Amino acid sequence: MSLGYYDSDLRDEKWQRIVPLLPPQKPVGKLREVSLREVLNAIFYRADNGTK
C-alpha cells in the first residue's frame, strides 16, 4: 500500500535484518491490517522530515 518511495524507506537488506526482531503473527485472532514495514517506514519518514 506504499504510495511511493522515500529516502527514509527501509531497503530490503535492512528490512531482512529487522524481521527476526519483530514479533511473529499470532496463529489465532485478528490478522494484521498494516504491514510492519510500512509502519517503520512511516516512523523513519517522520523522524527524517519532522512535522514540516
C-alpha atoms as a PDB file:
ATOM      1  CA  MET A   1       0.000   0.000   0.000  1.00  0.00           C
ATOM      2  CA  SER A   2       3.009   2.236  -0.331  1.00  0.00           C
ATOM      3  CA  LEU A   3       2.283   5.476  -2.158  1.00  0.00           C
ATOM      4  CA  GLY A   4       5.856   5.918  -3.298  1.00  0.00           C
ATOM      5  CA  TYR A   5       9.416   5.568  -2.203  1.00  0.00           C
ATOM      6  CA  TYR A   6      11.224   7.966   0.069  1.00  0.00           C
ATOM      7  CA  ASP A   7      14.880   8.209   1.006  1.00  0.00           C
ATOM      8  CA  SER A   8      13.880   7.240   4.547  1.00  0.00           C
ATOM      9  CA  ASP A   9      12.224   3.948   3.444  1.00  0.00           C
ATOM     10  CA  LEU A  10      13.836   0.719   4.573  1.00  0.00           C
ATOM     11  CA  ARG A  11      15.750  -1.036   1.845  1.00  0.00           C
ATOM     12  CA  ASP A  12      15.356  -4.811   1.501  1.00  0.00           C
ATOM     13  CA  GLU A  13      18.736  -5.643   3.061  1.00  0.00           C
ATOM     14  CA  LYS A  14      17.960  -3.594   6.190  1.00  0.00           C
ATOM     15  CA  TRP A  15      14.426  -4.976   6.391  1.00  0.00           C
ATOM     16  CA  GLN A  16      15.794  -8.540   6.346  1.00  0.00           C
ATOM     17  CA  ARG A  17      17.953  -7.681   9.371  1.00  0.00           C
ATOM     18  CA  ILE A  18      14.946  -6.306  11.292  1.00  0.00           C
ATOM     19  CA  VAL A  19      12.416  -9.072  10.521  1.00  0.00           C
ATOM     20  CA  PRO A  20      13.849 -11.594  13.032  1.00  0.00           C
ATOM     21  CA  LEU A  21      13.443  -8.999  15.813  1.00  0.00           C
ATOM     22  CA  LEU A  22       9.723  -8.456  15.196  1.00  0.00           C
ATOM     23  CA  PRO A  23       7.008 -10.483  16.923  1.00  0.00           C
ATOM     24  CA  PRO A  24       5.539 -13.197  14.690  1.00  0.00           C
ATOM     25  CA  GLN A  25       1.929 -13.109  13.560  1.00  0.00           C
ATOM     26  CA  LYS A  26      -0.259 -14.833  16.141  1.00  0.00           C
ATOM     27  CA  PRO A  27      -1.798 -18.112  14.912  1.00  0.00           C
ATOM     28  CA  VAL A  28      -5.227 -17.081  16.222  1.00  0.00           C
ATOM     29  CA  GLY A  29      -7.031 -13.795  16.390  1.00  0.00           C
ATOM     30  CA  LYS A  30      -7.240 -10.847  14.060  1.00  0.00           C
ATOM     31  CA  LEU A  31      -4.686 -10.610  11.265  1.00  0.00           C
ATOM     32  CA  ARG A  32      -2.503  -7.537  10.964  1.00  0.00           C
ATOM     33  CA  GLU A  33      -4.149  -4.936   8.779  1.00  0.00           C
ATOM     34  CA  VAL A  34      -0.992  -2.889   8.247  1.00  0.00           C
ATOM     35  CA  SER A  35       2.435  -4.058   7.169  1.00  0.00           C
ATOM     36  CA  LEU A  36       5.016  -3.630   9.917  1.00  0.00           C
ATOM     37  CA  ARG A  37       7.440  -2.489   7.234  1.00  0.00           C
ATOM     38  CA  GLU A  38       5.064   0.336   6.281  1.00  0.00           C
ATOM     39  CA  VAL A  39       4.750   1.319   9.950  1.00  0.00           C
ATOM     40  CA  LEU A  40       8.528   1.521  10.289  1.00  0.00           C
ATOM     41  CA  ASN A  41       8.782   3.450   7.023  1.00  0.00           C
ATOM     42  CA  ALA A  42       6.284   5.990   8.381  1.00  0.00           C
ATOM     43  CA  ILE A  43       8.225   6.338  11.642  1.00  0.00           C
ATOM     44  CA  PHE A  44      11.513   6.834   9.791  1.00  0.00           C
ATOM     45  CA  TYR A  45       9.882   9.339   7.426  1.00  0.00           C
ATOM     46  CA  ARG A  46       8.618  11.416  10.353  1.00  0.00           C
ATOM     47  CA  ALA A  47      11.976  11.215  12.110  1.00  0.00           C
ATOM     48  CA  ASP A  48      13.772  12.256   8.917  1.00  0.00           C
ATOM     49  CA  ASN A  49      11.375  15.030   7.846  1.00  0.00           C
ATOM     50  CA  GLY A  50       9.820  16.174  11.098  1.00  0.00           C
ATOM     51  CA  THR A  51       6.417  17.795  11.056  1.00  0.00           C
ATOM     52  CA  LYS A  52       7.043  20.344   8.298  1.00  0.00           C
END
